[in-house]
Amino acid sequence: MALRLSTGLRNTLLGAQGFKTIMQNGVIRIFPGVQPSSADDAEGATQLLEITVSSGAFTPGAATNGLNFADPASGACAKSSSEVWSGAASSTGTAGWFRFYANDRVTGADTTHARFDGSVSTSGAQLNMSSTAITAGATTTIDSFTVTMPAS
């Protein structure tokens, strides 16, 4: 299954800004259940956890603890190697999908803000984790994360 880009992210990518800049200081939320059919759709589930830099508190619109990508190479952007991407779970459940929000972290149904979705599994997904079992209070770390853009 492919990443699902929001209308806002697709429209912004058509402009002059690059992916790394658009998604700078963003945040990932991991949810249980089935991924929505579009990144424009509301989440439809309560998040299991939020991933920030070193599990730090995130405030939309502020750079502090927001996630960043390294410079693109061969059409791909990987997580910044200088950052630890982690979060303490707020709920217990099984991770099914994630949404990466730009720094404004606009939730709910929306077609104007940059964000993208992907599946979560132990292999073969856009976000592969050692275990999809999430326990409230436990910390989850994302060791590697790469977004590859299609050639056209």
C-alpha atoms as a PDB file:
ATOM      1  CA  MET A   1       0.000   0.000   0.000  1.00  0.00           C
ATOM      2  CA  ALA A   2       1.349   3.432  -0.918  1.00  0.00           C
ATOM      3  CA  LEU A   3       1.685   6.513   1.218  1.00  0.00           C
ATOM      4  CA  ARG A   4      -1.398   8.685   1.021  1.00  0.00           C
ATOM      5  CA  LEU A   5      -0.627  12.377   0.653  1.00  0.00           C
ATOM      6  CA  SER A   6      -3.118  15.041   1.645  1.00  0.00           C
ATOM      7  CA  THR A   7      -4.408  17.453  -0.998  1.00  0.00           C
ATOM      8  CA  GLY A   8      -2.598  20.216   0.897  1.00  0.00           C
ATOM      9  CA  LEU A   9       0.754  18.393   0.675  1.00  0.00           C
ATOM     10  CA  ARG A  10       0.283  17.551  -3.033  1.00  0.00           C
ATOM     11  CA  ASN A  11      -0.594  21.181  -3.817  1.00  0.00           C
ATOM     12  CA  THR A  12       2.385  22.515  -1.838  1.00  0.00           C
ATOM     13  CA  LEU A  13       4.786  20.076  -3.511  1.00  0.00           C
ATOM     14  CA  LEU A  14       3.670  21.471  -6.870  1.00  0.00           C
ATOM     15  CA  GLY A  15       4.965  24.857  -5.687  1.00  0.00           C
ATOM     16  CA  ALA A  16       8.543  25.895  -5.026  1.00  0.00           C
ATOM     17  CA  GLN A  17       9.051  24.258  -1.607  1.00  0.00           C
ATOM     18  CA  GLY A  18      10.603  20.828  -1.201  1.00  0.00           C
ATOM     19  CA  PHE A  19       9.316  17.969   0.935  1.00  0.00           C
ATOM     20  CA  LYS A  20      11.992  18.442   3.626  1.00  0.00           C
ATOM     21  CA  THR A  21      11.014  22.106   4.086  1.00  0.00           C
ATOM     22  CA  ILE A  22       7.264  21.483   4.015  1.00  0.00           C
ATOM     23  CA  MET A  23       7.398  18.746   6.669  1.00  0.00           C
ATOM     24  CA  GLN A  24      10.092  20.431   8.834  1.00  0.00           C
ATOM     25  CA  ASN A  25       9.448  20.175  12.593  1.00  0.00           C
ATOM     26  CA  GLY A  26       6.500  17.848  12.095  1.00  0.00           C
ATOM     27  CA  VAL A  27       5.092  15.102  14.278  1.00  0.00           C
ATOM     28  CA  ILE A  28       3.881  11.510  13.816  1.00  0.00           C
ATOM     29  CA  ARG A  29       0.781  10.077  15.435  1.00  0.00           C
ATOM     30  CA  ILE A  30       0.219   6.322  15.441  1.00  0.00           C
ATOM     31  CA  PHE A  31      -3.328   4.971  15.440  1.00  0.00           C
ATOM     32  CA  PRO A  32      -5.027   1.585  15.785  1.00  0.00           C
ATOM     33  CA  GLY A  33      -7.263   0.120  13.104  1.00  0.00           C
ATOM     34  CA  VAL A  34      -7.491   0.691   9.382  1.00  0.00           C
ATOM     35  CA  GLN A  35      -5.812   3.600   7.617  1.00  0.00           C
ATOM     36  CA  PRO A  36      -8.310   6.102   6.141  1.00  0.00           C
ATOM     37  CA  SER A  37      -8.699   6.056   2.365  1.00  0.00           C
ATOM     38  CA  SER A  38      -7.228   9.571   2.147  1.00  0.00           C
ATOM     39  CA  ALA A  39      -4.876  11.716   4.234  1.00  0.00           C
ATOM     40  CA  ASP A  40      -7.589  14.384   3.856  1.00  0.00           C
ATOM     41  CA  ASP A  41      -9.972  12.252   5.966  1.00  0.00           C
ATOM     42  CA  ALA A  42     -10.430  12.564   9.722  1.00  0.00           C
ATOM     43  CA  GLU A  43      -8.378  10.145  11.791  1.00  0.00           C
ATOM     44  CA  GLY A  44     -11.435   8.228  13.013  1.00  0.00           C
ATOM     45  CA  ALA A  45      -9.558   6.782  15.996  1.00  0.00           C
ATOM     46  CA  THR A  46      -7.835   7.929  19.166  1.00  0.00           C
ATOM     47  CA  GLN A  47      -4.059   8.049  18.817  1.00  0.00           C
ATOM     48  CA  LEU A  48      -1.978   5.460  20.603  1.00  0.00           C
ATOM     49  CA  LEU A  49       1.098   7.671  20.740  1.00  0.00           C
ATOM     50  CA  GLU A  50       2.738  10.764  19.325  1.00  0.00           C
ATOM     51  CA  ILE A  51       6.327  10.632  18.069  1.00  0.00           C
ATOM     52  CA  THR A  52       8.520  13.706  18.634  1.00  0.00           C
ATOM     53  CA  VAL A  53      12.230  14.332  19.115  1.00  0.00           C
ATOM     54  CA  SER A  54      13.269  12.398  22.235  1.00  0.00           C
ATOM     55  CA  SER A  55       9.622  12.095  23.392  1.00  0.00           C
ATOM     56  CA  GLY A  56       9.578  15.835  24.063  1.00  0.00           C
ATOM     57  CA  ALA A  57       6.460  17.951  24.352  1.00  0.00           C
ATOM     58  CA  PHE A  58       5.254  19.260  20.974  1.00  0.00           C
ATOM     59  CA  THR A  59       3.351  22.494  20.435  1.00  0.00           C
ATOM     60  CA  PRO A  60       1.883  23.061  16.959  1.00  0.00           C
ATOM     61  CA  GLY A  61       3.573  25.997  15.253  1.00  0.00           C
ATOM     62  CA  ALA A  62       6.739  25.749  17.384  1.00  0.00           C
ATOM     63  CA  ALA A  63       9.944  24.070  16.218  1.00  0.00           C
ATOM     64  CA  THR A  64      10.756  22.551  19.630  1.00  0.00           C
ATOM     65  CA  ASN A  65      10.787  18.722  19.494  1.00  0.00           C
ATOM     66  CA  GLY A  66       9.486  18.627  15.916  1.00  0.00           C
ATOM     67  CA  LEU A  67      10.771  15.882  13.605  1.00  0.00           C
ATOM     68  CA  ASN A  68      13.094  16.673  10.710  1.00  0.00           C
ATOM     69  CA  PHE A  69      14.359  14.962   7.584  1.00  0.00           C
ATOM     70  CA  ALA A  70      17.916  14.901   6.236  1.00  0.00           C
ATOM     71  CA  ASP A  71      18.693  16.416   2.850  1.00  0.00           C
ATOM     72  CA  PRO A  72      17.085  14.429   0.041  1.00  0.00           C
ATOM     73  CA  ALA A  73      19.192  11.898  -1.869  1.00  0.00           C
ATOM     74  CA  SER A  74      18.110   9.936  -4.959  1.00  0.00           C
ATOM     75  CA  GLY A  75      14.487  11.026  -4.522  1.00  0.00           C
ATOM     76  CA  ALA A  76      14.266   9.995  -0.874  1.00  0.00           C
ATOM     77  CA  CYS A  77      14.230  11.821   2.467  1.00  0.00           C
ATOM     78  CA  ALA A  78      15.284   9.901   5.584  1.00  0.00           C
ATOM     79  CA  LYS A  79      14.850  10.937   9.197  1.00  0.00           C
ATOM     80  CA  SER A  80      17.591  13.189  10.475  1.00  0.00           C
ATOM     81  CA  SER A  81      20.317  10.971  11.934  1.00  0.00           C
ATOM     82  CA  SER A  82      20.935  13.529  14.686  1.00  0.00           C
ATOM     83  CA  GLU A  83      17.428  13.072  16.129  1.00  0.00           C
ATOM     84  CA  VAL A  84      15.871  10.344  18.276  1.00  0.00           C
ATOM     85  CA  TRP A  85      12.272   9.885  17.158  1.00  0.00           C
ATOM     86  CA  SER A  86      10.260   8.496  20.075  1.00  0.00           C
ATOM     87  CA  GLY A  87       7.098   8.866  22.114  1.00  0.00           C
ATOM     88  CA  ALA A  88       5.419   7.551  25.243  1.00  0.00           C
ATOM     89  CA  ALA A  89       2.121   5.819  24.503  1.00  0.00           C
ATOM     90  CA  SER A  90      -1.034   7.470  25.805  1.00  0.00           C
ATOM     91  CA  SER A  91      -3.156   4.339  25.166  1.00  0.00           C
ATOM     92  CA  THR A  92      -2.778   0.596  24.815  1.00  0.00           C
ATOM     93  CA  GLY A  93      -3.591  -1.026  21.471  1.00  0.00           C
ATOM     94  CA  THR A  94      -2.260  -2.417  18.210  1.00  0.00           C
ATOM     95  CA  ALA A  95      -0.662   0.053  15.803  1.00  0.00           C
ATOM     96  CA  GLY A  96      -2.317  -0.065  12.390  1.00  0.00           C
ATOM     97  CA  TRP A  97      -1.333   3.167  10.655  1.00  0.00           C
ATOM     98  CA  PHE A  98       0.384   6.527  11.141  1.00  0.00           C
ATOM     99  CA  ARG A  99      -0.123  10.111  10.085  1.00  0.00           C
ATOM    100  CA  PHE A 100       2.827  12.489   9.717  1.00  0.00           C
ATOM    101  CA  TYR A 101       1.659  16.065  10.228  1.00  0.00           C
ATOM    102  CA  ALA A 102       3.519  19.209   9.198  1.00  0.00           C
ATOM    103  CA  ASN A 103       4.420  21.572  12.037  1.00  0.00           C
ATOM    104  CA  ASP A 104       0.875  22.982  12.288  1.00  0.00           C
ATOM    105  CA  ARG A 105      -0.493  19.494  13.215  1.00  0.00           C
ATOM    106  CA  VAL A 106      -3.977  20.127  11.862  1.00  0.00           C
ATOM    107  CA  THR A 107      -6.179  17.144  12.751  1.00  0.00           C
ATOM    108  CA  GLY A 108      -9.592  16.061  11.497  1.00  0.00           C
ATOM    109  CA  ALA A 109     -10.886  16.224   7.938  1.00  0.00           C
ATOM    110  CA  ASP A 110      -8.841  18.784   5.997  1.00  0.00           C
ATOM    111  CA  THR A 111      -7.747  19.342   2.389  1.00  0.00           C
ATOM    112  CA  THR A 112      -5.434  22.335   2.801  1.00  0.00           C
ATOM    113  CA  HIS A 113      -2.707  21.274   5.244  1.00  0.00           C
ATOM    114  CA  ALA A 114       0.362  19.108   4.574  1.00  0.00           C
ATOM    115  CA  ARG A 115       0.297  15.588   6.039  1.00  0.00           C
ATOM    116  CA  PHE A 116       0.591  12.003   4.865  1.00  0.00           C
ATOM    117  CA  ASP A 117      -0.502   8.565   6.043  1.00  0.00           C
ATOM    118  CA  GLY A 118       1.013   5.110   5.865  1.00  0.00           C
ATOM    119  CA  SER A 119       0.543   1.621   7.199  1.00  0.00           C
ATOM    120  CA  VAL A 120       2.312   0.205  10.261  1.00  0.00           C
ATOM    121  CA  SER A 121       3.440  -3.410  10.584  1.00  0.00           C
ATOM    122  CA  THR A 122       6.467  -5.475  11.551  1.00  0.00           C
ATOM    123  CA  SER A 123       7.450  -5.787   7.852  1.00  0.00           C
ATOM    124  CA  GLY A 124       6.246  -4.685   4.438  1.00  0.00           C
ATOM    125  CA  ALA A 125       4.675  -1.406   5.602  1.00  0.00           C
ATOM    126  CA  GLN A 126       5.620   2.254   5.252  1.00  0.00           C
ATOM    127  CA  LEU A 127       6.515   2.228   8.964  1.00  0.00           C
ATOM    128  CA  ASN A 128       7.980  -1.055  10.202  1.00  0.00           C
ATOM    129  CA  MET A 129       8.248  -1.534  13.946  1.00  0.00           C
ATOM    130  CA  SER A 130       9.724  -4.392  15.975  1.00  0.00           C
ATOM    131  CA  SER A 131       6.250  -4.852  17.491  1.00  0.00           C
ATOM    132  CA  THR A 132       2.867  -3.269  16.761  1.00  0.00           C
ATOM    133  CA  ALA A 133       1.749  -3.871  20.357  1.00  0.00           C
ATOM    134  CA  ILE A 134       1.623  -0.474  22.063  1.00  0.00           C
ATOM    135  CA  THR A 135       1.337  -0.249  25.863  1.00  0.00           C
ATOM    136  CA  ALA A 136       0.237   2.910  27.667  1.00  0.00           C
ATOM    137  CA  GLY A 137       3.220   4.602  29.290  1.00  0.00           C
ATOM    138  CA  ALA A 138       5.822   2.625  27.319  1.00  0.00           C
ATOM    139  CA  THR A 139       8.191   4.454  24.969  1.00  0.00           C
ATOM    140  CA  THR A 140       8.341   3.550  21.280  1.00  0.00           C
ATOM    141  CA  THR A 141      11.338   4.609  19.172  1.00  0.00           C
ATOM    142  CA  ILE A 142      11.507   4.873  15.385  1.00  0.00           C
ATOM    143  CA  ASP A 143      15.064   4.008  14.372  1.00  0.00           C
ATOM    144  CA  SER A 144      14.684   4.552  10.625  1.00  0.00           C
ATOM    145  CA  PHE A 145      12.123   6.278   8.456  1.00  0.00           C
ATOM    146  CA  THR A 146      12.481   7.119   4.764  1.00  0.00           C
ATOM    147  CA  VAL A 147       9.999   8.713   2.377  1.00  0.00           C
ATOM    148  CA  THR A 148      10.649   8.026  -1.311  1.00  0.00           C
ATOM    149  CA  MET A 149       9.034  10.313  -3.850  1.00  0.00           C
ATOM    150  CA  PRO A 150       7.900   8.904  -7.180  1.00  0.00           C
ATOM    151  CA  ALA A 151       9.817  10.037 -10.261  1.00  0.00           C
ATOM    152  CA  SER A 152       6.669  11.694 -11.611  1.00  0.00           C
END
